[in-house]
Amino acid sequence: MTTSTRHFFDLTTAEVPVALHRDSILVLPTGAIEPHGPHLPLRTDLLVAEAVTSAAVERAAAAGHDVWLLPALGYTKSDEHANLPGAMWLEAETLLRTVIDLGRSIAATPARRLLFVNCHGGNSALLEVALRELRRRFDLQTFLHGSPAEPGPTEEGFGIHAGWAETSLMLHLRPDLVDMTKAKPAVPHAISGLKHVGFGKSVRFGWLADDFAESGVIGDPTGATAELGAQMFAAKVDTLVDAIPEIALFDPGRVVRTAGRR
């Protein structure tokens, strides 16, 4: 091949049908361009998604796995930040159509495995819908990797945006883009003690970022450190790399169909 990288877009059109196979895993980072308070850049989610995914793909490929990195999606479902300056967002229908169109394009290659690595919570529900759409329409094996931000010790379970975890990650990855002199806590104490209604609880709720604070911050970034960020980053990469072998083999439909022909 003309490229030694694992970047899909470095392949030539002649190399795509040779380099990719049915069980090749195409990995698509998803982030966002949205406000992250006065102390973090708009591209925080996108930057973290690209960094984690790139490091994981490099390690997985070095271990012999057939993984390829797709260009990241940055313009996504960020309408919860629509009232704040700088938000760049797509309607849910637009993003779903975009993802389906990408799935159609992937299905035109030999590859049949698509892994989303998501670092923006606003995308999660829509991507879960997309997994089944892509499975049904194009016979792709589809996967979504991502988890909520780890809440910090002062965040009362509400460190979901521009708080302790994201700020620590950015201090590790791009400290030049972080202004800790402007980092202020914004923890919604009034609702943190509710039993049923809340993030990760039995009753979900619709919300906008500025429901909690004018800054759009939901959490407490003041205790963030680069050292914590390095630990979080390493853990994220490790978890993703550890998942790759299972993703490479997961195909219950094929197992069932093959068993039925015996």
Protein backbone atom coordinates (compact mmCIF):
# COMPACT_ATOMS: atom_id res chain seq x y z
CA MET A 1 0.00 0.00 0.00
CA THR A 2 1.05 3.61 -0.48
CA THR A 3 0.32 4.37 3.18
CA SER A 4 1.63 2.88 6.39
CA THR A 5 -0.96 4.71 8.51
CA ARG A 6 -4.28 3.33 9.69
CA HIS A 7 -6.17 6.38 8.40
CA PHE A 8 -8.92 5.37 5.99
CA PHE A 9 -8.52 8.57 3.99
CA ASP A 10 -4.87 7.83 3.25
CA LEU A 11 -5.83 4.81 1.15
CA THR A 12 -6.16 5.15 -2.61
CA THR A 13 -9.37 4.07 -4.29
CA ALA A 14 -7.53 1.04 -5.71
CA GLU A 15 -6.37 0.04 -2.23
CA VAL A 16 -9.77 0.14 -0.51
CA PRO A 17 -11.02 -3.24 -1.85
CA VAL A 18 -7.63 -4.81 -1.11
CA ALA A 19 -6.93 -3.36 2.34
CA LEU A 20 -10.43 -3.80 3.77
CA HIS A 21 -12.19 -7.07 4.52
CA ARG A 22 -15.52 -8.13 5.96
CA ASP A 23 -14.16 -8.02 9.50
CA SER A 24 -12.18 -4.80 9.15
CA ILE A 25 -13.28 -2.33 11.84
CA LEU A 26 -13.84 1.25 10.73
CA VAL A 27 -13.68 3.56 13.75
CA LEU A 28 -15.53 6.89 13.69
CA PRO A 29 -14.89 9.45 16.47
CA THR A 30 -17.83 11.71 17.29
CA GLY A 31 -17.50 14.93 19.25
CA ALA A 32 -19.04 18.39 19.10
CA ILE A 33 -18.35 22.08 18.52
CA GLU A 34 -20.10 23.70 21.46
CA PRO A 35 -19.58 26.01 24.44
CA HIS A 36 -17.55 24.60 27.31
CA GLY A 37 -17.67 27.53 29.69
CA PRO A 38 -15.22 30.43 29.69
CA HIS A 39 -12.20 28.20 30.38
CA LEU A 40 -12.31 25.51 27.66
CA PRO A 41 -12.42 25.67 23.84
CA LEU A 42 -15.46 24.90 21.73
CA ARG A 43 -13.78 21.82 20.28
CA THR A 44 -13.19 20.08 23.61
CA ASP A 45 -15.35 17.01 22.85
CA LEU A 46 -13.99 16.70 19.33
CA LEU A 47 -10.39 17.01 20.46
CA VAL A 48 -10.80 14.35 23.15
CA ALA A 49 -12.63 12.00 20.75
CA GLU A 50 -9.91 12.32 18.13
CA ALA A 51 -7.07 11.89 20.63
CA VAL A 52 -8.54 8.83 22.37
CA THR A 53 -9.53 7.13 19.13
CA SER A 54 -6.26 7.82 17.35
CA ALA A 55 -4.21 6.43 20.24
CA ALA A 56 -6.44 3.35 20.52
CA VAL A 57 -6.41 2.59 16.80
CA GLU A 58 -2.62 2.89 16.71
CA ARG A 59 -2.24 0.46 19.60
CA ALA A 60 -4.84 -1.98 18.32
CA ALA A 61 -3.27 -2.02 14.86
CA ALA A 62 0.18 -2.63 16.38
CA ALA A 63 -1.34 -5.63 18.16
CA GLY A 64 -2.47 -7.03 14.82
CA HIS A 65 -6.10 -5.93 14.65
CA ASP A 66 -7.60 -4.77 11.36
CA VAL A 67 -8.74 -1.30 12.43
CA TRP A 68 -9.02 1.89 10.40
CA LEU A 69 -9.60 5.44 11.61
CA LEU A 70 -12.28 7.50 9.84
CA PRO A 71 -12.34 11.32 9.91
CA ALA A 72 -14.20 12.56 12.99
CA LEU A 73 -17.68 14.03 13.08
CA GLY A 74 -17.55 17.43 14.76
CA TYR A 75 -20.85 19.04 13.79
CA THR A 76 -23.35 16.93 15.71
CA LYS A 77 -26.38 17.14 18.03
CA SER A 78 -25.51 20.01 20.39
CA ASP A 79 -28.82 21.83 20.56
CA GLU A 80 -28.76 21.76 24.37
CA HIS A 81 -26.16 24.53 24.00
CA ALA A 82 -28.04 26.46 21.32
CA ASN A 83 -28.63 29.50 23.56
CA LEU A 84 -24.91 30.03 24.13
CA PRO A 85 -22.46 31.74 21.74
CA GLY A 86 -20.41 29.40 19.55
CA ALA A 87 -22.68 26.36 19.40
CA MET A 88 -22.58 24.63 16.00
CA TRP A 89 -25.26 21.97 15.87
CA LEU A 90 -27.35 19.80 13.59
CA GLU A 91 -31.00 18.84 14.00
CA ALA A 92 -31.42 15.24 15.15
CA GLU A 93 -32.91 14.31 11.78
CA THR A 94 -29.97 15.86 9.94
CA LEU A 95 -27.37 14.01 11.97
CA LEU A 96 -29.26 10.72 11.69
CA ARG A 97 -29.46 11.12 7.91
CA THR A 98 -25.75 11.97 7.82
CA VAL A 99 -24.82 8.86 9.78
CA ILE A 100 -27.07 6.69 7.62
CA ASP A 101 -25.49 8.12 4.47
CA LEU A 102 -22.05 7.33 5.87
CA GLY A 103 -23.23 3.80 6.61
CA ARG A 104 -24.36 3.44 3.02
CA SER A 105 -20.92 4.52 1.86
CA ILE A 106 -19.19 2.10 4.22
CA ALA A 107 -21.42 -0.72 3.00
CA ALA A 108 -20.05 -0.08 -0.52
CA THR A 109 -16.61 -1.19 0.77
CA PRO A 110 -15.76 -4.73 1.88
CA ALA A 111 -15.83 -3.64 5.56
CA ARG A 112 -18.86 -4.60 7.64
CA ARG A 113 -17.89 -3.35 11.11
CA LEU A 114 -18.41 0.23 12.24
CA LEU A 115 -17.47 1.49 15.70
CA PHE A 116 -18.51 4.94 16.93
CA VAL A 117 -16.30 6.38 19.67
CA ASN A 118 -18.44 9.12 21.17
CA CYS A 119 -17.22 11.86 23.51
CA HIS A 120 -20.32 14.07 23.50
CA GLY A 121 -23.30 13.03 25.60
CA GLY A 122 -25.80 14.80 23.35
CA ASN A 123 -25.06 12.27 20.60
CA SER A 124 -25.57 9.13 22.64
CA ALA A 125 -29.31 8.47 22.25
CA LEU A 126 -29.28 9.28 18.55
CA LEU A 127 -26.28 7.04 17.87
CA GLU A 128 -27.99 4.16 19.66
CA VAL A 129 -30.90 4.57 17.23
CA ALA A 130 -28.44 4.74 14.35
CA LEU A 131 -26.81 1.44 15.35
CA ARG A 132 -29.99 -0.48 14.60
CA GLU A 133 -30.80 1.53 11.47
CA LEU A 134 -27.37 0.75 10.02
CA ARG A 135 -27.62 -2.89 11.05
CA ARG A 136 -31.01 -3.30 9.40
CA ARG A 137 -30.44 -1.26 6.27
CA PHE A 138 -26.90 -2.23 5.33
CA ASP A 139 -26.11 -5.43 7.25
CA LEU A 140 -23.34 -3.69 9.16
CA GLN A 141 -22.17 -4.84 12.57
CA THR A 142 -22.43 -1.60 14.53
CA PHE A 143 -21.01 -0.58 17.90
CA LEU A 144 -20.96 2.47 20.15
CA HIS A 145 -18.21 3.12 22.70
CA GLY A 146 -18.57 5.93 25.19
CA SER A 147 -19.42 6.66 28.78
CA PRO A 148 -20.49 9.70 30.84
CA ALA A 149 -17.81 11.90 32.33
CA GLU A 150 -16.59 10.70 35.70
CA PRO A 151 -17.97 13.10 38.35
CA GLY A 152 -15.45 14.75 40.61
CA PRO A 153 -15.50 14.76 44.42
CA THR A 154 -17.24 18.15 44.63
CA GLU A 155 -19.74 17.68 41.77
CA GLU A 156 -22.48 15.69 43.57
CA GLY A 157 -22.86 13.43 40.54
CA PHE A 158 -23.42 16.36 38.15
CA GLY A 159 -20.00 16.72 36.58
CA ILE A 160 -21.23 16.18 33.05
CA HIS A 161 -20.03 19.23 31.14
CA ALA A 162 -16.84 21.32 31.32
CA GLY A 163 -16.27 20.12 34.85
CA TRP A 164 -13.60 18.14 36.68
CA ALA A 165 -13.11 15.34 34.14
CA GLU A 166 -13.21 17.28 30.87
CA THR A 167 -11.04 20.05 32.23
CA SER A 168 -8.47 17.55 33.51
CA LEU A 169 -8.39 15.82 30.11
CA MET A 170 -7.82 19.13 28.35
CA LEU A 171 -5.09 20.13 30.82
CA HIS A 172 -3.36 16.90 29.81
CA LEU A 173 -3.98 17.06 26.06
CA ARG A 174 -3.90 20.79 25.29
CA PRO A 175 -3.09 22.94 28.33
CA ASP A 176 -2.47 25.87 26.00
CA LEU A 177 -6.22 25.96 25.29
CA VAL A 178 -7.27 26.02 28.97
CA ASP A 179 -7.64 29.15 31.11
CA MET A 180 -7.98 28.01 34.71
CA THR A 181 -8.29 31.60 35.92
CA LYS A 182 -11.78 31.56 34.40
CA ALA A 183 -12.81 28.13 35.73
CA LYS A 184 -15.78 28.48 38.08
CA PRO A 185 -17.94 25.80 39.76
CA ALA A 186 -21.55 25.38 38.64
CA VAL A 187 -23.03 22.46 40.55
CA PRO A 188 -26.87 22.30 40.66
CA HIS A 189 -27.15 21.72 44.42
CA ALA A 190 -30.92 22.26 44.43
CA ILE A 191 -31.60 19.09 42.43
CA SER A 192 -28.58 16.95 43.25
CA GLY A 193 -30.34 15.27 46.15
CA LEU A 194 -33.42 14.12 44.24
CA LYS A 195 -34.03 10.37 44.41
CA HIS A 196 -35.68 9.70 41.07
CA VAL A 197 -35.12 12.64 38.69
CA GLY A 198 -31.60 13.22 37.45
CA PHE A 199 -28.82 12.16 35.14
CA GLY A 200 -28.49 8.39 35.27
CA LYS A 201 -31.57 8.02 37.50
CA SER A 202 -34.91 6.34 36.79
CA VAL A 203 -36.60 9.55 35.57
CA ARG A 204 -34.86 11.47 32.79
CA PHE A 205 -35.66 15.06 31.92
CA GLY A 206 -35.29 17.50 29.06
CA TRP A 207 -32.72 20.21 29.66
CA LEU A 208 -30.69 23.01 28.17
CA ALA A 209 -27.17 23.80 29.35
CA ASP A 210 -28.10 27.28 30.54
CA ASP A 211 -30.87 25.85 32.74
CA PHE A 212 -28.13 25.20 35.28
CA ALA A 213 -25.80 28.18 34.87
CA GLU A 214 -25.38 31.08 32.46
CA SER A 215 -21.91 29.76 31.60
CA GLY A 216 -23.31 26.41 30.46
CA VAL A 217 -20.93 24.62 32.83
CA ILE A 218 -22.43 21.66 34.72
CA GLY A 219 -19.85 20.63 37.28
CA ASP A 220 -16.81 21.94 39.09
CA PRO A 221 -13.61 22.35 37.05
CA THR A 222 -11.63 24.00 39.83
CA GLY A 223 -10.03 20.79 41.09
CA ALA A 224 -8.90 19.60 37.67
CA THR A 225 -5.24 18.74 37.07
CA ALA A 226 -3.14 17.54 34.15
CA GLU A 227 -2.06 14.52 36.22
CA LEU A 228 -5.67 13.44 36.67
CA GLY A 229 -6.25 14.05 32.97
CA ALA A 230 -3.34 11.79 32.03
CA GLN A 231 -4.80 8.99 34.16
CA MET A 232 -8.26 9.46 32.65
CA PHE A 233 -6.89 9.51 29.12
CA ALA A 234 -4.87 6.34 29.64
CA ALA A 235 -7.91 4.59 31.12
CA LYS A 236 -10.11 5.62 28.18
CA VAL A 237 -7.57 4.34 25.65
CA ASP A 238 -7.02 1.10 27.58
CA THR A 239 -10.77 0.40 27.74
CA LEU A 240 -11.22 0.99 24.03
CA VAL A 241 -8.21 -1.14 23.07
CA ASP A 242 -9.44 -3.94 25.34
CA ALA A 243 -12.83 -3.87 23.58
CA ILE A 244 -11.42 -4.23 20.05
CA PRO A 245 -10.91 -8.04 20.13
CA GLU A 246 -14.54 -8.59 21.10
CA ILE A 247 -15.78 -6.14 18.48
CA ALA A 248 -13.65 -7.93 15.87
CA LEU A 249 -15.44 -11.24 16.53
CA PHE A 250 -18.93 -10.18 17.55
CA ASP A 251 -21.53 -11.39 15.03
CA PRO A 252 -24.35 -13.37 16.66
CA GLY A 253 -26.39 -13.43 13.46
CA ARG A 254 -23.63 -15.14 11.53
CA VAL A 255 -23.16 -17.71 14.30
CA VAL A 256 -26.87 -18.50 14.39
CA ARG A 257 -27.18 -18.73 10.61
CA THR A 258 -24.09 -20.92 10.33
CA ALA A 259 -25.30 -23.23 13.09
CA GLY A 260 -28.67 -23.55 11.39
CA ARG A 261 -27.07 -24.89 8.20
CA ARG A 262 -25.33 -27.77 9.94
